[in-house]
Amino acid sequence: MLFENKLRGCDQHGCGHWGAPRGNVKHKGLDVACHSGQKVLSPVDGIVTKVGFAYSKMYLSKNHYRFVEIEVNENVRIRIFYIEPFVATGHTVLKGQWIGSQQALGGIYGGITEHIHIEFWDNGKRKNPIGFFNEFCLT
């Protein structure tokens, strides 16, 4: 299935495409629709450089949401948000390897389409990942 076919559409919390309005800013990633608890597979070969929290500690109701950062090379890295990670910093991952499970968002954002959020960084700048991934390896 092509990556574009798995994008989160629009719901009461917004749209999942690159550049979608988010108040005064634009959405700087892509949201891939999936089911709560679904396996998330790495879309790239690389090294896990960070496993972190998606929100600052001031958001107590959201501070359990996580992300995994994978470095593809010295210029390119991706971050995958809203996953319960099964990998740790320093792990080498291969495209198609299980790296975590999607964390349910409905308890915090009622009515939202369950999804993961993908950010693509190239030379320190976020770019639209749609041209980078031919297929997102999500089962």
N, C-alpha and C. Protein backbone atom coordinates (compact mmCIF):
# COMPACT_ATOMS: atom_id res chain seq x y z
N MET A 1 0.85 -1.19 0.00
CA MET A 1 0.00 0.00 0.00
C MET A 1 0.89 1.24 0.00
N LEU A 2 0.56 2.19 -0.82
CA LEU A 2 1.34 3.41 -0.87
C LEU A 2 1.16 4.22 0.39
N PHE A 3 2.22 4.91 0.78
CA PHE A 3 2.23 5.72 1.99
C PHE A 3 1.07 6.71 2.02
N GLU A 4 0.81 7.36 0.90
CA GLU A 4 -0.22 8.39 0.84
C GLU A 4 -1.59 7.84 1.24
N ASN A 5 -1.84 6.56 1.01
CA ASN A 5 -3.14 5.96 1.31
C ASN A 5 -3.34 5.75 2.80
N LYS A 6 -2.31 5.91 3.60
CA LYS A 6 -2.44 5.68 5.03
C LYS A 6 -2.45 6.97 5.83
N LEU A 7 -2.46 8.11 5.17
CA LEU A 7 -2.43 9.37 5.89
C LEU A 7 -3.73 9.61 6.64
N ARG A 8 -3.61 10.20 7.83
CA ARG A 8 -4.78 10.62 8.59
C ARG A 8 -5.46 11.75 7.82
N GLY A 9 -6.73 11.62 7.67
CA GLY A 9 -7.50 12.68 7.03
C GLY A 9 -7.74 13.82 8.01
N CYS A 10 -8.91 14.41 7.94
CA CYS A 10 -9.27 15.51 8.84
C CYS A 10 -10.31 15.03 9.85
N ASP A 11 -10.19 15.53 11.07
CA ASP A 11 -11.18 15.28 12.11
C ASP A 11 -11.35 16.57 12.91
N GLN A 12 -12.04 16.52 14.02
CA GLN A 12 -12.31 17.74 14.79
C GLN A 12 -11.04 18.38 15.37
N HIS A 13 -9.91 17.67 15.35
CA HIS A 13 -8.66 18.21 15.88
C HIS A 13 -7.73 18.71 14.79
N GLY A 14 -8.14 18.59 13.54
CA GLY A 14 -7.32 19.07 12.43
C GLY A 14 -7.09 18.00 11.40
N CYS A 15 -6.14 18.28 10.52
CA CYS A 15 -5.80 17.37 9.42
C CYS A 15 -4.37 16.89 9.59
N GLY A 16 -4.08 15.71 9.00
CA GLY A 16 -2.79 15.09 9.22
C GLY A 16 -1.75 15.33 8.14
N HIS A 17 -2.06 16.11 7.13
CA HIS A 17 -1.09 16.31 6.05
C HIS A 17 -0.06 17.39 6.39
N TRP A 18 1.04 17.36 5.69
CA TRP A 18 2.10 18.36 5.83
C TRP A 18 1.51 19.75 5.52
N GLY A 19 1.78 20.71 6.40
CA GLY A 19 1.33 22.07 6.16
C GLY A 19 -0.08 22.38 6.62
N ALA A 20 -0.79 21.41 7.19
CA ALA A 20 -2.16 21.65 7.67
C ALA A 20 -2.12 22.74 8.74
N PRO A 21 -3.12 23.61 8.80
CA PRO A 21 -3.14 24.66 9.82
C PRO A 21 -3.23 24.09 11.23
N ARG A 22 -2.43 24.64 12.12
CA ARG A 22 -2.46 24.29 13.55
C ARG A 22 -2.43 25.61 14.32
N GLY A 23 -3.57 26.27 14.36
CA GLY A 23 -3.61 27.60 14.98
C GLY A 23 -2.78 28.57 14.14
N ASN A 24 -1.75 29.16 14.75
CA ASN A 24 -0.91 30.13 14.05
C ASN A 24 0.28 29.50 13.34
N VAL A 25 0.40 28.17 13.40
CA VAL A 25 1.52 27.48 12.77
C VAL A 25 1.00 26.44 11.79
N LYS A 26 1.92 25.85 11.07
CA LYS A 26 1.59 24.78 10.12
C LYS A 26 2.10 23.45 10.67
N HIS A 27 1.39 22.38 10.35
CA HIS A 27 1.77 21.03 10.76
C HIS A 27 3.06 20.66 10.06
N LYS A 28 4.09 20.33 10.84
CA LYS A 28 5.42 20.05 10.30
C LYS A 28 5.74 18.57 10.32
N GLY A 29 4.79 17.77 9.93
CA GLY A 29 4.97 16.33 9.85
C GLY A 29 3.81 15.73 9.10
N LEU A 30 3.75 14.40 9.13
CA LEU A 30 2.64 13.67 8.54
C LEU A 30 2.07 12.75 9.61
N ASP A 31 0.76 12.63 9.62
CA ASP A 31 0.09 11.72 10.54
C ASP A 31 -0.36 10.49 9.75
N VAL A 32 0.07 9.33 10.21
CA VAL A 32 -0.27 8.07 9.57
C VAL A 32 -1.33 7.39 10.41
N ALA A 33 -2.50 7.16 9.83
CA ALA A 33 -3.60 6.53 10.55
C ALA A 33 -3.25 5.09 10.89
N CYS A 34 -3.61 4.68 12.09
CA CYS A 34 -3.41 3.30 12.54
C CYS A 34 -4.35 3.03 13.70
N HIS A 35 -4.30 1.84 14.21
CA HIS A 35 -5.16 1.46 15.32
C HIS A 35 -4.37 1.49 16.62
N SER A 36 -5.04 1.77 17.70
CA SER A 36 -4.40 1.78 19.01
C SER A 36 -3.74 0.44 19.28
N GLY A 37 -2.47 0.49 19.67
CA GLY A 37 -1.73 -0.72 19.97
C GLY A 37 -1.12 -1.41 18.78
N GLN A 38 -1.36 -0.89 17.59
CA GLN A 38 -0.83 -1.51 16.38
C GLN A 38 0.70 -1.43 16.36
N LYS A 39 1.33 -2.47 15.80
CA LYS A 39 2.78 -2.48 15.67
C LYS A 39 3.23 -1.37 14.74
N VAL A 40 4.31 -0.69 15.13
CA VAL A 40 4.92 0.33 14.28
C VAL A 40 6.28 -0.20 13.88
N LEU A 41 6.51 -0.21 12.56
CA LEU A 41 7.75 -0.73 12.01
C LEU A 41 8.61 0.42 11.51
N SER A 42 9.91 0.26 11.61
CA SER A 42 10.81 1.30 11.14
C SER A 42 10.71 1.43 9.62
N PRO A 43 10.55 2.65 9.12
CA PRO A 43 10.51 2.85 7.67
C PRO A 43 11.90 2.96 7.05
N VAL A 44 12.95 2.90 7.89
CA VAL A 44 14.32 3.10 7.41
C VAL A 44 15.30 2.21 8.18
N ASP A 45 16.48 2.04 7.61
CA ASP A 45 17.62 1.48 8.34
C ASP A 45 18.29 2.65 9.07
N GLY A 46 18.73 2.43 10.29
CA GLY A 46 19.41 3.50 10.99
C GLY A 46 19.74 3.13 12.42
N ILE A 47 20.13 4.14 13.17
CA ILE A 47 20.50 3.99 14.58
C ILE A 47 19.56 4.85 15.41
N VAL A 48 19.02 4.27 16.48
CA VAL A 48 18.15 5.01 17.39
C VAL A 48 19.03 5.99 18.17
N THR A 49 18.80 7.27 17.97
CA THR A 49 19.61 8.29 18.64
C THR A 49 18.90 8.92 19.82
N LYS A 50 17.59 8.72 19.92
CA LYS A 50 16.86 9.29 21.05
C LYS A 50 15.53 8.57 21.21
N VAL A 51 15.15 8.35 22.45
CA VAL A 51 13.81 7.92 22.81
C VAL A 51 13.36 8.94 23.84
N GLY A 52 12.32 9.68 23.53
CA GLY A 52 11.94 10.78 24.39
C GLY A 52 10.45 10.89 24.59
N PHE A 53 10.06 12.01 25.19
CA PHE A 53 8.66 12.29 25.47
C PHE A 53 8.16 13.36 24.50
N ALA A 54 6.96 13.16 23.97
CA ALA A 54 6.39 14.05 22.96
C ALA A 54 6.01 15.41 23.53
N TYR A 55 5.68 15.49 24.80
CA TYR A 55 5.24 16.73 25.42
C TYR A 55 6.10 17.03 26.63
N SER A 56 6.19 18.31 26.97
CA SER A 56 6.96 18.70 28.15
C SER A 56 6.24 18.24 29.41
N LYS A 57 6.95 18.21 30.50
CA LYS A 57 6.40 17.73 31.77
C LYS A 57 5.28 18.61 32.28
N MET A 58 5.13 19.82 31.76
CA MET A 58 4.04 20.68 32.23
C MET A 58 2.67 20.18 31.78
N TYR A 59 2.64 19.30 30.78
CA TYR A 59 1.38 18.72 30.31
C TYR A 59 1.20 17.35 30.98
N LEU A 60 0.81 17.36 32.24
CA LEU A 60 0.75 16.12 33.01
C LEU A 60 -0.11 15.05 32.37
N SER A 61 -1.23 15.42 31.76
CA SER A 61 -2.12 14.42 31.16
C SER A 61 -1.54 13.82 29.89
N LYS A 62 -0.48 14.43 29.34
CA LYS A 62 0.09 13.96 28.08
C LYS A 62 1.53 13.47 28.21
N ASN A 63 2.09 13.51 29.41
CA ASN A 63 3.53 13.28 29.51
C ASN A 63 3.95 11.82 29.41
N HIS A 64 3.03 10.93 29.05
CA HIS A 64 3.40 9.53 28.82
C HIS A 64 3.58 9.23 27.33
N TYR A 65 3.24 10.18 26.46
CA TYR A 65 3.39 9.95 25.02
C TYR A 65 4.86 10.04 24.64
N ARG A 66 5.31 9.11 23.80
CA ARG A 66 6.74 8.96 23.51
C ARG A 66 7.04 9.15 22.02
N PHE A 67 8.32 9.28 21.72
CA PHE A 67 8.78 9.26 20.34
C PHE A 67 10.11 8.53 20.25
N VAL A 68 10.42 8.07 19.05
CA VAL A 68 11.70 7.42 18.75
C VAL A 68 12.33 8.20 17.60
N GLU A 69 13.60 8.54 17.76
CA GLU A 69 14.35 9.21 16.70
C GLU A 69 15.35 8.23 16.11
N ILE A 70 15.36 8.15 14.78
CA ILE A 70 16.27 7.25 14.07
C ILE A 70 17.13 8.09 13.12
N GLU A 71 18.44 7.95 13.26
CA GLU A 71 19.36 8.64 12.36
C GLU A 71 19.66 7.73 11.18
N VAL A 72 19.40 8.24 9.98
CA VAL A 72 19.64 7.49 8.75
C VAL A 72 21.09 7.69 8.31
N ASN A 73 21.55 8.93 8.37
CA ASN A 73 22.95 9.29 8.10
C ASN A 73 23.23 10.59 8.84
N GLU A 74 24.37 11.18 8.64
CA GLU A 74 24.72 12.36 9.43
C GLU A 74 23.81 13.55 9.15
N ASN A 75 23.08 13.55 8.04
CA ASN A 75 22.20 14.67 7.70
C ASN A 75 20.72 14.38 7.90
N VAL A 76 20.33 13.12 7.86
CA VAL A 76 18.91 12.76 7.84
C VAL A 76 18.53 11.96 9.09
N ARG A 77 17.43 12.39 9.71
CA ARG A 77 16.87 11.64 10.84
C ARG A 77 15.35 11.76 10.78
N ILE A 78 14.69 10.79 11.38
CA ILE A 78 13.23 10.83 11.46
C ILE A 78 12.83 10.68 12.92
N ARG A 79 11.68 11.21 13.23
CA ARG A 79 11.07 11.01 14.56
C ARG A 79 9.67 10.46 14.35
N ILE A 80 9.35 9.44 15.13
CA ILE A 80 8.03 8.82 15.08
C ILE A 80 7.41 9.00 16.46
N PHE A 81 6.31 9.74 16.51
CA PHE A 81 5.66 10.10 17.76
C PHE A 81 4.45 9.21 18.03
N TYR A 82 4.09 9.15 19.29
CA TYR A 82 2.93 8.42 19.81
C TYR A 82 3.13 6.92 19.70
N ILE A 83 4.32 6.47 20.08
CA ILE A 83 4.56 5.03 20.13
C ILE A 83 5.14 4.65 21.49
N GLU A 84 4.77 3.47 21.92
CA GLU A 84 5.39 2.85 23.09
C GLU A 84 6.62 2.13 22.55
N PRO A 85 7.82 2.64 22.82
CA PRO A 85 9.02 2.10 22.16
C PRO A 85 9.43 0.72 22.66
N PHE A 86 9.92 -0.08 21.71
CA PHE A 86 10.52 -1.38 22.02
C PHE A 86 12.01 -1.36 21.72
N VAL A 87 12.54 -0.18 21.45
CA VAL A 87 13.96 -0.01 21.17
C VAL A 87 14.51 1.03 22.13
N ALA A 88 15.83 1.11 22.20
CA ALA A 88 16.48 2.07 23.08
C ALA A 88 17.58 2.80 22.32
N THR A 89 18.01 3.92 22.86
CA THR A 89 19.09 4.68 22.27
C THR A 89 20.30 3.78 22.03
N GLY A 90 20.87 3.89 20.83
CA GLY A 90 22.03 3.10 20.46
C GLY A 90 21.70 1.85 19.66
N HIS A 91 20.45 1.43 19.66
CA HIS A 91 20.07 0.24 18.89
C HIS A 91 20.12 0.53 17.40
N THR A 92 20.61 -0.44 16.65
CA THR A 92 20.54 -0.39 15.19
C THR A 92 19.22 -1.02 14.79
N VAL A 93 18.49 -0.33 13.89
CA VAL A 93 17.22 -0.87 13.41
C VAL A 93 17.26 -1.00 11.89
N LEU A 94 16.51 -1.95 11.41
CA LEU A 94 16.41 -2.18 9.97
C LEU A 94 15.00 -1.83 9.50
N LYS A 95 14.89 -1.42 8.25
CA LYS A 95 13.58 -1.13 7.68
C LYS A 95 12.70 -2.36 7.86
N GLY A 96 11.50 -2.14 8.39
CA GLY A 96 10.56 -3.24 8.61
C GLY A 96 10.65 -3.87 9.99
N GLN A 97 11.61 -3.44 10.81
CA GLN A 97 11.75 -3.97 12.17
C GLN A 97 10.74 -3.32 13.10
N TRP A 98 10.15 -4.11 13.98
CA TRP A 98 9.19 -3.62 14.95
C TRP A 98 9.92 -2.75 15.96
N ILE A 99 9.51 -1.46 16.06
CA ILE A 99 10.17 -0.54 16.98
C ILE A 99 9.26 -0.09 18.12
N GLY A 100 7.97 -0.39 18.03
CA GLY A 100 7.05 0.01 19.09
C GLY A 100 5.61 -0.25 18.71
N SER A 101 4.71 0.20 19.59
CA SER A 101 3.26 0.09 19.34
C SER A 101 2.63 1.46 19.47
N GLN A 102 1.61 1.71 18.66
CA GLN A 102 0.93 3.00 18.69
C GLN A 102 0.26 3.21 20.04
N GLN A 103 0.43 4.41 20.58
CA GLN A 103 -0.21 4.78 21.85
C GLN A 103 -1.55 5.44 21.57
N ALA A 104 -2.60 5.01 22.23
CA ALA A 104 -3.94 5.55 22.03
C ALA A 104 -3.98 7.03 22.38
N LEU A 105 -4.55 7.81 21.49
CA LEU A 105 -4.68 9.26 21.67
C LEU A 105 -6.08 9.68 22.08
N GLY A 106 -7.07 8.80 21.91
CA GLY A 106 -8.46 9.14 22.15
C GLY A 106 -8.77 9.61 23.55
N GLY A 107 -8.04 9.12 24.55
CA GLY A 107 -8.29 9.53 25.93
C GLY A 107 -7.96 10.98 26.19
N ILE A 108 -7.05 11.54 25.42
CA ILE A 108 -6.64 12.93 25.57
C ILE A 108 -7.34 13.82 24.55
N TYR A 109 -7.42 13.33 23.33
CA TYR A 109 -8.05 14.08 22.24
C TYR A 109 -9.28 13.32 21.77
N GLY A 110 -10.39 13.48 22.47
CA GLY A 110 -11.61 12.76 22.12
C GLY A 110 -12.01 12.98 20.68
N GLY A 111 -12.31 11.91 19.95
CA GLY A 111 -12.74 11.99 18.57
C GLY A 111 -11.62 12.07 17.55
N ILE A 112 -10.37 12.04 18.01
CA ILE A 112 -9.25 12.12 17.06
C ILE A 112 -9.06 10.78 16.36
N THR A 113 -8.60 10.82 15.12
CA THR A 113 -8.24 9.62 14.40
C THR A 113 -6.94 9.10 14.98
N GLU A 114 -6.92 7.84 15.40
CA GLU A 114 -5.68 7.27 15.95
C GLU A 114 -4.59 7.31 14.88
N HIS A 115 -3.40 7.70 15.29
CA HIS A 115 -2.32 7.86 14.32
C HIS A 115 -0.96 7.90 15.01
N ILE A 116 0.07 7.84 14.20
CA ILE A 116 1.42 8.19 14.62
C ILE A 116 1.81 9.43 13.82
N HIS A 117 2.72 10.20 14.36
CA HIS A 117 3.17 11.44 13.72
C HIS A 117 4.62 11.23 13.29
N ILE A 118 4.93 11.53 12.03
CA ILE A 118 6.26 11.33 11.47
C ILE A 118 6.87 12.69 11.14
N GLU A 119 8.09 12.92 11.64
CA GLU A 119 8.84 14.11 11.25
C GLU A 119 10.11 13.67 10.53
N PHE A 120 10.43 14.37 9.46
CA PHE A 120 11.61 14.09 8.64
C PHE A 120 12.52 15.32 8.74
N TRP A 121 13.73 15.10 9.22
CA TRP A 121 14.70 16.19 9.39
C TRP A 121 15.84 15.98 8.41
N ASP A 122 16.15 17.00 7.63
CA ASP A 122 17.25 16.96 6.67
C ASP A 122 18.11 18.20 6.90
N ASN A 123 19.35 17.99 7.27
CA ASN A 123 20.26 19.10 7.58
C ASN A 123 19.67 20.08 8.59
N GLY A 124 19.03 19.53 9.63
CA GLY A 124 18.50 20.33 10.72
C GLY A 124 17.18 21.01 10.46
N LYS A 125 16.55 20.76 9.31
CA LYS A 125 15.27 21.38 8.99
C LYS A 125 14.23 20.31 8.76
N ARG A 126 13.02 20.55 9.30
CA ARG A 126 11.92 19.63 9.03
C ARG A 126 11.43 19.82 7.60
N LYS A 127 11.25 18.70 6.92
CA LYS A 127 10.77 18.71 5.54
C LYS A 127 9.63 17.72 5.41
N ASN A 128 8.87 17.87 4.34
CA ASN A 128 7.75 16.98 4.07
C ASN A 128 8.29 15.57 3.80
N PRO A 129 7.94 14.59 4.63
CA PRO A 129 8.46 13.24 4.44
C PRO A 129 7.83 12.47 3.29
N ILE A 130 6.76 12.98 2.70
CA ILE A 130 6.03 12.20 1.71
C ILE A 130 6.93 11.81 0.53
N GLY A 131 7.88 12.62 0.16
CA GLY A 131 8.77 12.29 -0.94
C GLY A 131 9.90 11.35 -0.55
N PHE A 132 10.12 11.18 0.75
CA PHE A 132 11.20 10.33 1.23
C PHE A 132 10.78 8.87 1.33
N PHE A 133 9.57 8.64 1.77
CA PHE A 133 9.08 7.28 1.97
C PHE A 133 8.24 6.85 0.78
N ASN A 134 8.62 5.77 0.13
CA ASN A 134 7.78 5.20 -0.91
C ASN A 134 6.63 4.42 -0.28
N GLU A 135 6.95 3.79 0.83
CA GLU A 135 5.97 2.97 1.54
C GLU A 135 6.28 3.09 3.01
N PHE A 136 5.28 3.24 3.83
CA PHE A 136 5.51 3.25 5.26
C PHE A 136 5.22 1.86 5.78
N CYS A 137 6.19 1.29 6.43
CA CYS A 137 6.10 -0.12 6.85
C CYS A 137 5.31 -0.26 8.14
N LEU A 138 4.04 -0.08 8.04
CA LEU A 138 3.16 -0.20 9.20
C LEU A 138 2.22 -1.35 8.94
N THR A 139 2.17 -2.31 9.89
CA THR A 139 1.28 -3.46 9.67
C THR A 139 0.04 -3.33 10.53
